Amino acid sequence: MNNPEQFLRNHVEKVVPLTDEEASFIVSHFKLETFKKGQFIIEEGNEVHNVYFLLAGLVKLVYEDQDAKKHIVSFAMEDWWETDFQAFYTQSKATLLLECIEDTIAYSLSFENFEKLCNDLQKMERFFLRKSIAGHIGSQTRILSFLTSNARERYEQLLLKNSSLLQRVPKTSLASYLGVSRETLSRLFM
């Protein structure tokens, strides 16, 4: 990652323009962190203090049910935000796991600094609102695909939206995300 500050600025400026002063102010609220492949950034039952903006790497957000079956809620890669959003916004304990699939570099933003940015710079409140809306739309689209599409159609939708993800995600994780077994994924698509 050559210039993380510029990467973050470019990301924010896709939504709102920034002056140099505003960009510096924003970056000052983030902390640069690195995580290793297989490391848990968030673990179920722990408090969630941060939201993460990925600069490099790949993570998966996972829900583990009462039978210890893991369900992949989402993947996030470069230029994406991820956390257990319910726990972050309500400042409660995580019900999800956030695990690194690859070595990952991310900016973390604490809840306190998130609130401060939104209160002190209206542009950031608008930025986070737009990001939240986009995330909500993405979640609705994913839910609707499970209600109305078969496994092959969900796979084809994933190919259209993010084919590069297919090269980076282990097949077992991809199968979990699509709601099929590893064997079914291999038989139908590989």
N, C-alpha and C. Protein backbone atom coordinates (compact mmCIF):
# COMPACT_ATOMS: atom_id res chain seq x y z
N MET A 1 0.86 -1.17 0.00
CA MET A 1 0.00 0.00 0.00
C MET A 1 0.90 1.22 0.00
N ASN A 2 0.95 1.92 -1.12
CA ASN A 2 1.84 3.07 -1.25
C ASN A 2 1.42 4.27 -0.42
N ASN A 3 0.17 4.67 -0.53
CA ASN A 3 -0.27 5.87 0.18
C ASN A 3 -1.68 5.65 0.72
N PRO A 4 -1.77 5.09 1.93
CA PRO A 4 -3.09 4.79 2.49
C PRO A 4 -3.97 6.03 2.65
N GLU A 5 -3.35 7.17 3.01
CA GLU A 5 -4.13 8.40 3.19
C GLU A 5 -4.81 8.81 1.89
N GLN A 6 -4.07 8.71 0.79
CA GLN A 6 -4.64 9.09 -0.51
C GLN A 6 -5.72 8.10 -0.94
N PHE A 7 -5.50 6.83 -0.64
CA PHE A 7 -6.49 5.80 -0.97
C PHE A 7 -7.81 6.09 -0.27
N LEU A 8 -7.74 6.44 1.03
CA LEU A 8 -8.94 6.78 1.79
C LEU A 8 -9.58 8.05 1.23
N ARG A 9 -8.76 9.05 0.96
CA ARG A 9 -9.29 10.30 0.41
C ARG A 9 -10.02 10.05 -0.91
N ASN A 10 -9.39 9.30 -1.80
CA ASN A 10 -10.02 9.00 -3.09
C ASN A 10 -11.36 8.29 -2.90
N HIS A 11 -11.40 7.40 -1.92
CA HIS A 11 -12.64 6.66 -1.64
C HIS A 11 -13.75 7.61 -1.18
N VAL A 12 -13.43 8.49 -0.25
CA VAL A 12 -14.42 9.45 0.26
C VAL A 12 -14.86 10.40 -0.85
N GLU A 13 -13.91 10.81 -1.68
CA GLU A 13 -14.22 11.78 -2.74
C GLU A 13 -15.07 11.19 -3.87
N LYS A 14 -15.28 9.89 -3.87
CA LYS A 14 -16.25 9.31 -4.81
C LYS A 14 -17.66 9.74 -4.44
N VAL A 15 -17.82 10.19 -3.17
CA VAL A 15 -19.14 10.59 -2.68
C VAL A 15 -19.21 12.09 -2.41
N VAL A 16 -18.19 12.63 -1.74
CA VAL A 16 -18.18 14.06 -1.39
C VAL A 16 -16.80 14.65 -1.68
N PRO A 17 -16.74 15.89 -2.20
CA PRO A 17 -15.44 16.53 -2.44
C PRO A 17 -14.82 16.94 -1.10
N LEU A 18 -13.47 16.94 -1.06
CA LEU A 18 -12.75 17.32 0.16
C LEU A 18 -11.67 18.35 -0.14
N THR A 19 -11.48 19.24 0.80
CA THR A 19 -10.30 20.11 0.75
C THR A 19 -9.14 19.34 1.36
N ASP A 20 -7.93 19.85 1.19
CA ASP A 20 -6.77 19.20 1.81
C ASP A 20 -6.91 19.17 3.33
N GLU A 21 -7.43 20.27 3.90
CA GLU A 21 -7.63 20.33 5.35
C GLU A 21 -8.63 19.28 5.82
N GLU A 22 -9.74 19.15 5.11
CA GLU A 22 -10.75 18.16 5.47
C GLU A 22 -10.19 16.74 5.37
N ALA A 23 -9.43 16.47 4.31
CA ALA A 23 -8.85 15.14 4.14
C ALA A 23 -7.90 14.81 5.29
N SER A 24 -7.07 15.75 5.68
CA SER A 24 -6.16 15.53 6.81
C SER A 24 -6.93 15.31 8.10
N PHE A 25 -7.98 16.09 8.31
CA PHE A 25 -8.82 15.95 9.50
C PHE A 25 -9.43 14.55 9.54
N ILE A 26 -9.94 14.07 8.43
CA ILE A 26 -10.56 12.75 8.36
C ILE A 26 -9.54 11.67 8.68
N VAL A 27 -8.41 11.69 7.99
CA VAL A 27 -7.38 10.66 8.18
C VAL A 27 -6.91 10.61 9.64
N SER A 28 -6.88 11.75 10.31
CA SER A 28 -6.41 11.80 11.70
C SER A 28 -7.29 11.00 12.66
N HIS A 29 -8.48 10.63 12.22
CA HIS A 29 -9.41 9.88 13.07
C HIS A 29 -9.30 8.36 12.87
N PHE A 30 -8.51 7.95 11.90
CA PHE A 30 -8.35 6.53 11.58
C PHE A 30 -7.03 5.99 12.11
N LYS A 31 -7.00 4.69 12.34
CA LYS A 31 -5.78 4.01 12.77
C LYS A 31 -5.46 2.92 11.74
N LEU A 32 -4.24 2.90 11.25
CA LEU A 32 -3.81 1.89 10.28
C LEU A 32 -3.47 0.60 11.03
N GLU A 33 -4.06 -0.52 10.58
CA GLU A 33 -3.83 -1.80 11.24
C GLU A 33 -3.53 -2.89 10.21
N THR A 34 -2.78 -3.89 10.63
CA THR A 34 -2.51 -5.05 9.78
C THR A 34 -2.96 -6.32 10.50
N PHE A 35 -3.47 -7.25 9.70
CA PHE A 35 -3.97 -8.52 10.23
C PHE A 35 -3.45 -9.65 9.35
N LYS A 36 -3.21 -10.79 9.96
CA LYS A 36 -2.69 -11.95 9.24
C LYS A 36 -3.83 -12.85 8.75
N LYS A 37 -3.57 -13.58 7.69
CA LYS A 37 -4.51 -14.56 7.17
C LYS A 37 -4.91 -15.48 8.32
N GLY A 38 -6.23 -15.71 8.46
CA GLY A 38 -6.73 -16.58 9.52
C GLY A 38 -7.02 -15.86 10.83
N GLN A 39 -6.56 -14.62 10.95
CA GLN A 39 -6.78 -13.86 12.19
C GLN A 39 -8.22 -13.37 12.26
N PHE A 40 -8.77 -13.39 13.48
CA PHE A 40 -10.10 -12.85 13.70
C PHE A 40 -9.97 -11.38 14.11
N ILE A 41 -10.62 -10.51 13.37
CA ILE A 41 -10.64 -9.09 13.70
C ILE A 41 -11.75 -8.85 14.73
N ILE A 42 -12.86 -9.55 14.54
CA ILE A 42 -14.00 -9.48 15.47
C ILE A 42 -14.36 -10.92 15.83
N GLU A 43 -14.60 -11.15 17.13
CA GLU A 43 -15.03 -12.47 17.57
C GLU A 43 -16.37 -12.35 18.28
N GLU A 44 -17.21 -13.35 18.07
CA GLU A 44 -18.54 -13.37 18.68
C GLU A 44 -18.42 -13.21 20.20
N GLY A 45 -19.27 -12.37 20.75
CA GLY A 45 -19.29 -12.15 22.19
C GLY A 45 -18.44 -10.99 22.67
N ASN A 46 -17.54 -10.52 21.81
CA ASN A 46 -16.71 -9.36 22.17
C ASN A 46 -17.40 -8.07 21.74
N GLU A 47 -17.08 -7.01 22.42
CA GLU A 47 -17.61 -5.70 22.02
C GLU A 47 -16.97 -5.29 20.70
N VAL A 48 -17.74 -4.57 19.91
CA VAL A 48 -17.26 -4.11 18.60
C VAL A 48 -17.05 -2.61 18.66
N HIS A 49 -15.79 -2.21 18.69
CA HIS A 49 -15.44 -0.81 18.84
C HIS A 49 -15.16 -0.11 17.52
N ASN A 50 -14.89 -0.89 16.46
CA ASN A 50 -14.42 -0.29 15.20
C ASN A 50 -15.18 -0.78 13.98
N VAL A 51 -15.19 0.09 12.99
CA VAL A 51 -15.56 -0.28 11.63
C VAL A 51 -14.24 -0.24 10.85
N TYR A 52 -14.12 -1.09 9.82
CA TYR A 52 -12.85 -1.23 9.09
C TYR A 52 -13.03 -0.88 7.62
N PHE A 53 -12.10 -0.06 7.12
CA PHE A 53 -12.03 0.25 5.70
C PHE A 53 -10.82 -0.49 5.16
N LEU A 54 -11.05 -1.43 4.25
CA LEU A 54 -9.96 -2.28 3.77
C LEU A 54 -9.14 -1.60 2.68
N LEU A 55 -7.84 -1.59 2.91
CA LEU A 55 -6.89 -1.04 1.95
C LEU A 55 -6.30 -2.15 1.09
N ALA A 56 -6.10 -3.32 1.68
CA ALA A 56 -5.57 -4.49 0.98
C ALA A 56 -6.03 -5.73 1.73
N GLY A 57 -6.28 -6.79 0.99
CA GLY A 57 -6.67 -8.04 1.62
C GLY A 57 -8.12 -8.39 1.41
N LEU A 58 -8.54 -9.44 2.13
CA LEU A 58 -9.88 -9.99 1.96
C LEU A 58 -10.33 -10.57 3.29
N VAL A 59 -11.57 -10.27 3.69
CA VAL A 59 -12.14 -10.77 4.94
C VAL A 59 -13.52 -11.36 4.68
N LYS A 60 -13.97 -12.18 5.64
CA LYS A 60 -15.33 -12.72 5.56
C LYS A 60 -16.02 -12.47 6.89
N LEU A 61 -17.31 -12.13 6.78
CA LEU A 61 -18.16 -11.92 7.94
C LEU A 61 -19.01 -13.18 8.08
N VAL A 62 -18.96 -13.80 9.26
CA VAL A 62 -19.53 -15.13 9.45
C VAL A 62 -20.48 -15.15 10.65
N TYR A 63 -21.61 -15.83 10.48
CA TYR A 63 -22.52 -16.11 11.58
C TYR A 63 -22.44 -17.59 11.89
N GLU A 64 -22.22 -17.94 13.15
CA GLU A 64 -22.20 -19.34 13.56
C GLU A 64 -23.49 -19.63 14.32
N ASP A 65 -24.29 -20.59 13.80
CA ASP A 65 -25.58 -20.88 14.43
C ASP A 65 -25.42 -21.79 15.65
N GLN A 66 -26.54 -22.13 16.29
CA GLN A 66 -26.51 -22.91 17.53
C GLN A 66 -25.99 -24.32 17.32
N ASP A 67 -25.99 -24.79 16.06
CA ASP A 67 -25.45 -26.12 15.74
C ASP A 67 -23.99 -26.04 15.30
N ALA A 68 -23.38 -24.88 15.49
CA ALA A 68 -21.98 -24.62 15.12
C ALA A 68 -21.76 -24.64 13.60
N LYS A 69 -22.83 -24.48 12.84
CA LYS A 69 -22.70 -24.36 11.38
C LYS A 69 -22.40 -22.90 11.06
N LYS A 70 -21.40 -22.70 10.21
CA LYS A 70 -21.00 -21.33 9.86
C LYS A 70 -21.67 -20.90 8.56
N HIS A 71 -22.20 -19.68 8.59
CA HIS A 71 -22.87 -19.08 7.43
C HIS A 71 -22.12 -17.80 7.07
N ILE A 72 -21.67 -17.70 5.85
CA ILE A 72 -20.94 -16.50 5.43
C ILE A 72 -21.96 -15.44 5.01
N VAL A 73 -21.92 -14.32 5.72
CA VAL A 73 -22.84 -13.21 5.47
C VAL A 73 -22.33 -12.37 4.32
N SER A 74 -21.01 -12.11 4.33
CA SER A 74 -20.44 -11.27 3.27
C SER A 74 -18.94 -11.44 3.20
N PHE A 75 -18.40 -10.99 2.08
CA PHE A 75 -16.96 -10.85 1.89
C PHE A 75 -16.69 -9.37 1.71
N ALA A 76 -15.51 -8.94 2.10
CA ALA A 76 -15.10 -7.55 1.86
C ALA A 76 -13.64 -7.55 1.43
N MET A 77 -13.35 -6.70 0.47
CA MET A 77 -11.98 -6.57 -0.04
C MET A 77 -11.63 -5.10 -0.16
N GLU A 78 -10.56 -4.82 -0.85
CA GLU A 78 -10.07 -3.46 -1.00
C GLU A 78 -11.18 -2.49 -1.37
N ASP A 79 -11.19 -1.35 -0.70
CA ASP A 79 -12.13 -0.27 -0.98
C ASP A 79 -13.53 -0.56 -0.44
N TRP A 80 -13.65 -1.52 0.50
CA TRP A 80 -14.92 -1.86 1.12
C TRP A 80 -14.84 -1.62 2.62
N TRP A 81 -15.98 -1.44 3.24
CA TRP A 81 -16.12 -1.29 4.69
C TRP A 81 -16.71 -2.57 5.26
N GLU A 82 -16.26 -2.94 6.48
CA GLU A 82 -16.85 -4.12 7.11
C GLU A 82 -16.73 -4.06 8.62
N THR A 83 -17.70 -4.62 9.28
CA THR A 83 -17.74 -4.83 10.72
C THR A 83 -19.01 -5.59 11.03
N ASP A 84 -19.25 -5.89 12.28
CA ASP A 84 -20.56 -6.35 12.72
C ASP A 84 -21.33 -5.06 12.96
N PHE A 85 -22.05 -4.58 11.95
CA PHE A 85 -22.65 -3.25 11.99
C PHE A 85 -23.66 -3.09 13.13
N GLN A 86 -24.44 -4.11 13.40
CA GLN A 86 -25.40 -4.01 14.50
C GLN A 86 -24.67 -3.78 15.82
N ALA A 87 -23.64 -4.56 16.08
CA ALA A 87 -22.89 -4.41 17.33
C ALA A 87 -22.15 -3.08 17.37
N PHE A 88 -21.62 -2.64 16.22
CA PHE A 88 -20.89 -1.37 16.17
C PHE A 88 -21.83 -0.20 16.48
N TYR A 89 -22.94 -0.12 15.78
CA TYR A 89 -23.84 1.03 15.94
C TYR A 89 -24.57 1.03 17.27
N THR A 90 -24.81 -0.16 17.85
CA THR A 90 -25.48 -0.21 19.14
C THR A 90 -24.49 -0.33 20.30
N GLN A 91 -23.20 -0.42 19.94
CA GLN A 91 -22.14 -0.59 20.93
C GLN A 91 -22.45 -1.76 21.86
N SER A 92 -22.72 -2.89 21.22
CA SER A 92 -23.04 -4.12 21.94
C SER A 92 -22.07 -5.22 21.53
N LYS A 93 -22.30 -6.41 22.03
CA LYS A 93 -21.40 -7.53 21.74
C LYS A 93 -21.68 -8.13 20.36
N ALA A 94 -20.63 -8.60 19.74
CA ALA A 94 -20.70 -9.15 18.39
C ALA A 94 -21.50 -10.45 18.37
N THR A 95 -22.29 -10.61 17.33
CA THR A 95 -22.96 -11.88 17.04
C THR A 95 -22.33 -12.52 15.81
N LEU A 96 -21.39 -11.80 15.19
CA LEU A 96 -20.72 -12.26 13.98
C LEU A 96 -19.21 -12.32 14.21
N LEU A 97 -18.54 -13.06 13.35
CA LEU A 97 -17.08 -13.13 13.34
C LEU A 97 -16.58 -12.42 12.09
N LEU A 98 -15.47 -11.71 12.21
CA LEU A 98 -14.83 -11.13 11.04
C LEU A 98 -13.44 -11.73 10.96
N GLU A 99 -13.21 -12.53 9.92
CA GLU A 99 -11.97 -13.30 9.78
C GLU A 99 -11.25 -12.94 8.49
N CYS A 100 -9.92 -12.88 8.56
CA CYS A 100 -9.11 -12.58 7.39
C CYS A 100 -8.91 -13.83 6.54
N ILE A 101 -9.25 -13.73 5.27
CA ILE A 101 -8.98 -14.81 4.31
C ILE A 101 -7.58 -14.62 3.74
N GLU A 102 -7.13 -13.39 3.68
CA GLU A 102 -5.78 -13.03 3.23
C GLU A 102 -5.18 -12.09 4.27
N ASP A 103 -3.86 -11.91 4.21
CA ASP A 103 -3.25 -10.84 5.00
C ASP A 103 -3.98 -9.55 4.62
N THR A 104 -4.29 -8.74 5.62
CA THR A 104 -5.15 -7.58 5.39
C THR A 104 -4.58 -6.33 6.03
N ILE A 105 -4.69 -5.23 5.31
CA ILE A 105 -4.34 -3.91 5.84
C ILE A 105 -5.63 -3.10 5.82
N ALA A 106 -5.95 -2.49 6.95
CA ALA A 106 -7.20 -1.75 7.03
C ALA A 106 -7.02 -0.52 7.91
N TYR A 107 -7.84 0.47 7.63
CA TYR A 107 -8.01 1.59 8.54
C TYR A 107 -9.14 1.23 9.48
N SER A 108 -8.92 1.39 10.78
CA SER A 108 -10.02 1.21 11.73
C SER A 108 -10.50 2.59 12.16
N LEU A 109 -11.80 2.67 12.37
CA LEU A 109 -12.42 3.90 12.83
C LEU A 109 -13.26 3.54 14.04
N SER A 110 -12.91 4.10 15.19
CA SER A 110 -13.64 3.80 16.42
C SER A 110 -15.02 4.45 16.36
N PHE A 111 -15.93 3.93 17.18
CA PHE A 111 -17.26 4.51 17.25
C PHE A 111 -17.19 5.97 17.68
N GLU A 112 -16.33 6.24 18.65
CA GLU A 112 -16.15 7.62 19.13
C GLU A 112 -15.69 8.54 18.01
N ASN A 113 -14.71 8.10 17.23
CA ASN A 113 -14.23 8.92 16.12
C ASN A 113 -15.23 8.99 14.97
N PHE A 114 -15.99 7.93 14.78
CA PHE A 114 -17.07 7.95 13.79
C PHE A 114 -18.07 9.06 14.15
N GLU A 115 -18.49 9.07 15.41
CA GLU A 115 -19.43 10.10 15.88
C GLU A 115 -18.83 11.50 15.74
N LYS A 116 -17.56 11.62 16.09
CA LYS A 116 -16.88 12.92 16.01
C LYS A 116 -16.81 13.41 14.57
N LEU A 117 -16.43 12.53 13.66
CA LEU A 117 -16.38 12.91 12.24
C LEU A 117 -17.75 13.37 11.73
N CYS A 118 -18.77 12.62 12.08
CA CYS A 118 -20.12 12.97 11.62
C CYS A 118 -20.60 14.28 12.22
N ASN A 119 -20.27 14.53 13.47
CA ASN A 119 -20.68 15.77 14.14
C ASN A 119 -19.88 16.98 13.68
N ASP A 120 -18.59 16.79 13.42
CA ASP A 120 -17.72 17.91 13.10
C ASP A 120 -17.62 18.23 11.61
N LEU A 121 -17.99 17.28 10.78
CA LEU A 121 -17.85 17.47 9.34
C LEU A 121 -19.08 16.87 8.65
N GLN A 122 -20.04 17.72 8.33
CA GLN A 122 -21.30 17.26 7.77
C GLN A 122 -21.10 16.40 6.51
N LYS A 123 -20.05 16.68 5.77
CA LYS A 123 -19.76 15.88 4.57
C LYS A 123 -19.60 14.40 4.92
N MET A 124 -18.99 14.12 6.07
CA MET A 124 -18.77 12.73 6.45
C MET A 124 -20.08 12.07 6.87
N GLU A 125 -20.97 12.82 7.47
CA GLU A 125 -22.28 12.27 7.79
C GLU A 125 -23.00 11.86 6.49
N ARG A 126 -22.91 12.72 5.49
CA ARG A 126 -23.50 12.42 4.17
C ARG A 126 -22.81 11.21 3.54
N PHE A 127 -21.47 11.16 3.64
CA PHE A 127 -20.70 10.04 3.10
C PHE A 127 -21.15 8.72 3.73
N PHE A 128 -21.20 8.68 5.07
CA PHE A 128 -21.58 7.44 5.75
C PHE A 128 -23.04 7.08 5.50
N LEU A 129 -23.89 8.06 5.33
CA LEU A 129 -25.28 7.77 4.98
C LEU A 129 -25.35 7.08 3.62
N ARG A 130 -24.62 7.60 2.65
CA ARG A 130 -24.62 6.98 1.31
C ARG A 130 -24.05 5.56 1.36
N LYS A 131 -22.99 5.36 2.14
CA LYS A 131 -22.40 4.03 2.27
C LYS A 131 -23.38 3.08 2.95
N SER A 132 -24.08 3.57 3.96
CA SER A 132 -25.08 2.74 4.66
C SER A 132 -26.21 2.35 3.73
N ILE A 133 -26.68 3.29 2.94
CA ILE A 133 -27.76 3.01 1.99
C ILE A 133 -27.30 1.97 0.98
N ALA A 134 -26.09 2.12 0.46
CA ALA A 134 -25.56 1.15 -0.50
C ALA A 134 -25.46 -0.24 0.13
N GLY A 135 -25.03 -0.30 1.38
CA GLY A 135 -24.94 -1.57 2.09
C GLY A 135 -26.31 -2.19 2.30
N HIS A 136 -27.28 -1.36 2.63
CA HIS A 136 -28.65 -1.84 2.83
C HIS A 136 -29.21 -2.41 1.53
N ILE A 137 -28.97 -1.72 0.44
CA ILE A 137 -29.43 -2.20 -0.87
C ILE A 137 -28.76 -3.53 -1.20
N GLY A 138 -27.45 -3.62 -0.93
CA GLY A 138 -26.73 -4.87 -1.17
C GLY A 138 -27.30 -6.02 -0.35
N SER A 139 -27.63 -5.75 0.91
CA SER A 139 -28.20 -6.79 1.77
C SER A 139 -29.57 -7.22 1.27
N GLN A 140 -30.41 -6.27 0.87
CA GLN A 140 -31.72 -6.62 0.33
C GLN A 140 -31.59 -7.45 -0.94
N THR A 141 -30.67 -7.08 -1.79
CA THR A 141 -30.46 -7.82 -3.04
C THR A 141 -30.04 -9.25 -2.74
N ARG A 142 -29.14 -9.41 -1.76
CA ARG A 142 -28.69 -10.76 -1.38
C ARG A 142 -29.85 -11.57 -0.80
N ILE A 143 -30.64 -10.99 0.06
CA ILE A 143 -31.80 -11.70 0.64
C ILE A 143 -32.77 -12.11 -0.47
N LEU A 144 -33.07 -11.18 -1.38
CA LEU A 144 -33.99 -11.49 -2.47
C LEU A 144 -33.45 -12.59 -3.37
N SER A 145 -32.13 -12.62 -3.57
CA SER A 145 -31.56 -13.68 -4.42
C SER A 145 -31.74 -15.05 -3.77
N PHE A 146 -31.66 -15.11 -2.43
CA PHE A 146 -31.90 -16.38 -1.74
C PHE A 146 -33.37 -16.79 -1.81
N LEU A 147 -34.26 -15.82 -1.88
CA LEU A 147 -35.69 -16.11 -1.93
C LEU A 147 -36.17 -16.47 -3.33
N THR A 148 -35.50 -15.93 -4.35
CA THR A 148 -36.04 -16.05 -5.70
C THR A 148 -35.12 -16.77 -6.70
N SER A 149 -33.88 -17.04 -6.33
CA SER A 149 -32.92 -17.62 -7.27
C SER A 149 -32.42 -18.97 -6.79
N ASN A 150 -32.11 -19.84 -7.73
CA ASN A 150 -31.49 -21.11 -7.35
C ASN A 150 -29.97 -20.90 -7.23
N ALA A 151 -29.27 -21.93 -6.81
CA ALA A 151 -27.83 -21.83 -6.56
C ALA A 151 -27.07 -21.40 -7.81
N ARG A 152 -27.44 -21.96 -8.96
CA ARG A 152 -26.75 -21.60 -10.20
C ARG A 152 -26.94 -20.11 -10.51
N GLU A 153 -28.14 -19.61 -10.34
CA GLU A 153 -28.42 -18.19 -10.60
C GLU A 153 -27.65 -17.28 -9.63
N ARG A 154 -27.57 -17.69 -8.35
CA ARG A 154 -26.80 -16.90 -7.37
C ARG A 154 -25.32 -16.87 -7.76
N TYR A 155 -24.82 -18.00 -8.22
CA TYR A 155 -23.42 -18.07 -8.66
C TYR A 155 -23.20 -17.15 -9.86
N GLU A 156 -24.11 -17.18 -10.81
CA GLU A 156 -24.00 -16.33 -12.01
C GLU A 156 -24.09 -14.85 -11.64
N GLN A 157 -24.94 -14.51 -10.66
CA GLN A 157 -25.02 -13.12 -10.19
C GLN A 157 -23.70 -12.69 -9.57
N LEU A 158 -23.10 -13.58 -8.80
CA LEU A 158 -21.81 -13.28 -8.19
C LEU A 158 -20.74 -13.08 -9.26
N LEU A 159 -20.77 -13.92 -10.29
CA LEU A 159 -19.83 -13.77 -11.41
C LEU A 159 -19.95 -12.40 -12.06
N LEU A 160 -21.19 -11.97 -12.27
CA LEU A 160 -21.43 -10.67 -12.91
C LEU A 160 -20.97 -9.51 -12.03
N LYS A 161 -21.27 -9.59 -10.74
CA LYS A 161 -20.98 -8.49 -9.83
C LYS A 161 -19.53 -8.42 -9.39
N ASN A 162 -18.92 -9.59 -9.18
CA ASN A 162 -17.57 -9.58 -8.62
C ASN A 162 -16.82 -10.85 -8.95
N SER A 163 -16.46 -11.01 -10.20
CA SER A 163 -15.79 -12.23 -10.63
C SER A 163 -14.41 -12.39 -10.00
N SER A 164 -13.73 -11.30 -9.66
CA SER A 164 -12.40 -11.41 -9.05
C SER A 164 -12.46 -12.10 -7.69
N LEU A 165 -13.59 -11.98 -7.02
CA LEU A 165 -13.76 -12.64 -5.72
C LEU A 165 -13.63 -14.15 -5.86
N LEU A 166 -14.10 -14.70 -6.96
CA LEU A 166 -14.08 -16.14 -7.17
C LEU A 166 -12.66 -16.70 -7.21
N GLN A 167 -11.70 -15.89 -7.61
CA GLN A 167 -10.31 -16.33 -7.67
C GLN A 167 -9.64 -16.26 -6.30
N ARG A 168 -10.21 -15.51 -5.38
CA ARG A 168 -9.56 -15.24 -4.09
C ARG A 168 -10.17 -15.98 -2.92
N VAL A 169 -11.38 -16.48 -3.08
CA VAL A 169 -12.10 -17.10 -1.97
C VAL A 169 -12.00 -18.62 -2.07
N PRO A 170 -11.65 -19.28 -0.97
CA PRO A 170 -11.64 -20.76 -0.99
C PRO A 170 -13.02 -21.30 -1.38
N LYS A 171 -13.03 -22.42 -2.09
CA LYS A 171 -14.28 -22.99 -2.60
C LYS A 171 -15.27 -23.31 -1.47
N THR A 172 -14.77 -23.77 -0.32
CA THR A 172 -15.65 -24.06 0.80
C THR A 172 -16.37 -22.81 1.27
N SER A 173 -15.66 -21.69 1.34
CA SER A 173 -16.26 -20.42 1.74
C SER A 173 -17.23 -19.93 0.69
N LEU A 174 -16.87 -20.08 -0.56
CA LEU A 174 -17.76 -19.67 -1.65
C LEU A 174 -19.07 -20.47 -1.60
N ALA A 175 -18.96 -21.77 -1.36
CA ALA A 175 -20.15 -22.62 -1.27
C ALA A 175 -21.04 -22.16 -0.11
N SER A 176 -20.43 -21.86 1.04
CA SER A 176 -21.20 -21.39 2.19
C SER A 176 -21.92 -20.08 1.86
N TYR A 177 -21.24 -19.18 1.20
CA TYR A 177 -21.82 -17.89 0.83
C TYR A 177 -23.02 -18.08 -0.10
N LEU A 178 -22.91 -19.04 -1.01
CA LEU A 178 -23.99 -19.29 -1.97
C LEU A 178 -25.09 -20.19 -1.41
N GLY A 179 -24.85 -20.76 -0.23
CA GLY A 179 -25.86 -21.59 0.40
C GLY A 179 -25.94 -23.00 -0.16
N VAL A 180 -24.80 -23.52 -0.61
CA VAL A 180 -24.74 -24.89 -1.13
C VAL A 180 -23.57 -25.62 -0.49
N SER A 181 -23.53 -26.93 -0.65
CA SER A 181 -22.38 -27.70 -0.16
C SER A 181 -21.20 -27.53 -1.12
N ARG A 182 -20.02 -27.84 -0.64
CA ARG A 182 -18.81 -27.77 -1.48
C ARG A 182 -18.96 -28.71 -2.67
N GLU A 183 -19.53 -29.88 -2.44
CA GLU A 183 -19.71 -30.87 -3.51
C GLU A 183 -20.67 -30.35 -4.57
N THR A 184 -21.76 -29.73 -4.13
CA THR A 184 -22.73 -29.17 -5.08
C THR A 184 -22.08 -28.07 -5.91
N LEU A 185 -21.30 -27.23 -5.26
CA LEU A 185 -20.61 -26.17 -5.98
C LEU A 185 -19.71 -26.77 -7.05
N SER A 186 -18.93 -27.77 -6.70
CA SER A 186 -18.04 -28.40 -7.66
C SER A 186 -18.80 -29.05 -8.80
N ARG A 187 -19.86 -29.75 -8.48
CA ARG A 187 -20.65 -30.45 -9.50
C ARG A 187 -21.35 -29.48 -10.45
N LEU A 188 -21.90 -28.40 -9.91
CA LEU A 188 -22.68 -27.48 -10.74
C LEU A 188 -21.85 -26.48 -11.52
N PHE A 189 -20.74 -26.03 -10.93
CA PHE A 189 -20.09 -24.84 -11.50
C PHE A 189 -18.63 -25.02 -11.88
N MET A 190 -17.96 -25.96 -11.36
CA MET A 190 -16.51 -26.02 -11.59
C MET A 190 -16.17 -26.98 -12.71
